Amino acid sequence: MSVKIRLRRMGTKKRPFFRFVATDSRMPRDGRFLDTLGHYNPIVKPAKVKIHEDKMNYWFDQGAEPSDTVKTLLKQIGYLQKYEMKKKGQDVSEIAIREEIRERPKKLKKKKAAKTVEAPAAPAAPAQ
């Protein structure tokens, strides 16, 4: 059985709330799961992330692989750096895991340059 750590969507329509769950990779996104590892709320600004470190450590030690989105979120809050240092035997007491994620700057849309159609020049009036 291949265990994945991924997000499970919860909340109401257009108000998503996610939970970090450890699940069998063959299960559907919102299907059966093994353990709840934390939650992520993207609606509030700045977005909030809360994880249970001891549970997350346990599943990483068991060989669970995070999804791409989960890996990005864990990297942003500083958990992956802390886990790697702990795995190497280094002191991790000074590393704190953040609970807020900074927002990415919005991409500015490039305005299409309005093609200006030049009006043909009026012929000069004959001099009288």
Protein backbone atom coordinates (compact mmCIF):
# COMPACT_ATOMS: atom_id res chain seq x y z
CA MET A 1 0.00 0.00 0.00
CA SER A 2 1.37 3.37 -1.04
CA VAL A 3 0.50 6.12 1.42
CA LYS A 4 0.06 9.70 0.19
CA ILE A 5 -0.34 12.87 2.20
CA ARG A 6 -2.81 15.07 0.38
CA LEU A 7 -5.58 17.61 0.80
CA ARG A 8 -9.19 16.61 1.39
CA ARG A 9 -11.72 19.27 0.39
CA MET A 10 -14.33 20.22 2.94
CA GLY A 11 -16.55 23.24 3.51
CA THR A 12 -19.48 24.51 1.52
CA LYS A 13 -19.83 25.48 -2.08
CA LYS A 14 -17.39 28.28 -2.96
CA ARG A 15 -16.05 28.30 0.64
CA PRO A 16 -13.38 25.58 0.56
CA PHE A 17 -11.56 24.32 3.61
CA PHE A 18 -8.97 21.58 3.36
CA ARG A 19 -7.61 18.91 5.68
CA PHE A 20 -4.22 17.26 5.38
CA VAL A 21 -4.85 13.51 5.40
CA ALA A 22 -2.77 10.37 5.05
CA THR A 23 -4.52 8.06 2.62
CA ASP A 24 -3.98 5.09 0.37
CA SER A 25 -3.02 6.43 -3.07
CA ARG A 26 -5.82 4.41 -4.70
CA MET A 27 -8.58 6.17 -2.73
CA PRO A 28 -10.52 9.13 -4.20
CA ARG A 29 -9.77 12.69 -3.11
CA ASP A 30 -12.55 12.85 -0.53
CA GLY A 31 -12.71 9.13 0.15
CA ARG A 32 -11.52 6.96 3.01
CA PHE A 33 -8.35 8.07 4.79
CA LEU A 34 -6.02 6.75 7.49
CA ASP A 35 -5.31 9.82 9.62
CA THR A 36 -6.00 13.57 9.80
CA LEU A 37 -2.74 15.54 9.95
CA GLY A 38 -3.90 19.16 10.02
CA HIS A 39 -5.93 21.74 8.13
CA TYR A 40 -5.57 24.58 5.62
CA ASN A 41 -7.95 27.52 5.21
CA PRO A 42 -7.29 29.55 2.04
CA ILE A 43 -10.33 31.81 2.50
CA VAL A 44 -8.95 33.96 5.32
CA LYS A 45 -6.25 36.47 4.39
CA PRO A 46 -3.47 35.57 5.04
CA ALA A 47 -4.21 31.86 4.59
CA LYS A 48 -3.95 29.71 7.74
CA VAL A 49 -2.19 26.35 7.98
CA LYS A 50 -2.13 24.19 11.11
CA ILE A 51 -0.43 20.80 11.21
CA HIS A 52 0.01 18.16 13.88
CA GLU A 53 3.79 17.80 13.82
CA ASP A 54 3.97 14.48 15.65
CA LYS A 55 1.47 12.81 13.28
CA MET A 56 3.15 14.33 10.23
CA ASN A 57 6.56 13.08 11.42
CA TYR A 58 5.13 9.60 11.95
CA TRP A 59 3.73 9.34 8.42
CA PHE A 60 6.86 10.78 6.82
CA ASP A 61 8.92 8.22 8.77
CA GLN A 62 6.61 5.47 7.47
CA GLY A 63 7.44 6.54 3.90
CA ALA A 64 4.37 8.59 2.99
CA GLU A 65 4.82 10.86 -0.02
CA PRO A 66 3.23 14.33 -0.06
CA SER A 67 1.34 15.55 -3.12
CA ASP A 68 2.81 18.52 -5.00
CA THR A 69 0.40 20.98 -3.37
CA VAL A 70 1.03 19.63 0.12
CA LYS A 71 4.78 19.76 -0.45
CA THR A 72 4.51 23.43 -1.47
CA LEU A 73 2.42 24.31 1.59
CA LEU A 74 4.75 22.46 3.97
CA LYS A 75 7.75 24.20 2.43
CA GLN A 76 6.12 27.63 2.85
CA ILE A 77 5.44 27.13 6.55
CA GLY A 78 8.93 25.75 7.17
CA TYR A 79 8.01 22.17 8.10
CA LEU A 80 10.06 20.42 5.40
CA GLN A 81 13.24 22.26 6.39
CA LYS A 82 12.67 21.35 10.04
CA TYR A 83 11.97 17.69 9.18
CA GLU A 84 15.12 17.39 7.03
CA MET A 85 17.28 18.92 9.77
CA LYS A 86 15.75 16.59 12.36
CA LYS A 87 16.39 13.61 10.08
CA LYS A 88 20.07 14.59 9.85
CA GLY A 89 20.31 14.85 13.65
CA GLN A 90 20.69 18.61 13.83
CA ASP A 91 19.19 20.84 16.50
CA VAL A 92 15.73 22.03 15.45
CA SER A 93 14.68 23.79 18.66
CA GLU A 94 15.06 27.29 17.17
CA ILE A 95 13.00 26.57 14.04
CA ALA A 96 9.36 27.57 14.42
CA ILE A 97 6.66 26.49 12.03
CA ARG A 98 4.58 29.40 10.76
CA GLU A 99 0.80 29.23 10.71
CA GLU A 100 0.28 31.82 7.99
CA ILE A 101 1.17 31.72 4.32
CA ARG A 102 2.11 34.89 2.53
CA GLU A 103 0.08 35.71 -0.53
CA ARG A 104 1.62 35.54 -3.94
CA PRO A 105 1.53 38.82 -5.81
CA LYS A 106 -1.19 38.95 -8.43
CA LYS A 107 -0.11 38.77 -12.01
CA LEU A 108 -0.87 41.88 -13.96
CA LYS A 109 -2.57 41.33 -17.26
CA LYS A 110 -0.89 42.95 -20.16
CA LYS A 111 -3.20 45.27 -21.96
CA LYS A 112 -3.30 44.73 -25.66
CA ALA A 113 -1.98 47.75 -27.42
CA ALA A 114 -4.85 49.34 -29.24
CA LYS A 115 -3.97 49.34 -32.86
CA THR A 116 -4.41 52.84 -34.03
CA VAL A 117 -5.66 53.10 -37.54
CA GLU A 118 -4.28 56.21 -39.05
CA ALA A 119 -6.79 58.12 -41.08
CA PRO A 120 -5.60 58.96 -44.53
CA ALA A 121 -4.45 62.54 -44.71
CA ALA A 122 -6.90 64.83 -46.45
CA PRO A 123 -5.49 66.24 -49.67
CA ALA A 124 -4.30 69.78 -49.27
CA ALA A 125 -6.66 72.36 -50.68
CA PRO A 126 -5.24 74.07 -53.75
CA ALA A 127 -3.88 77.48 -52.98
CA GLN A 128 -5.94 80.28 -54.51
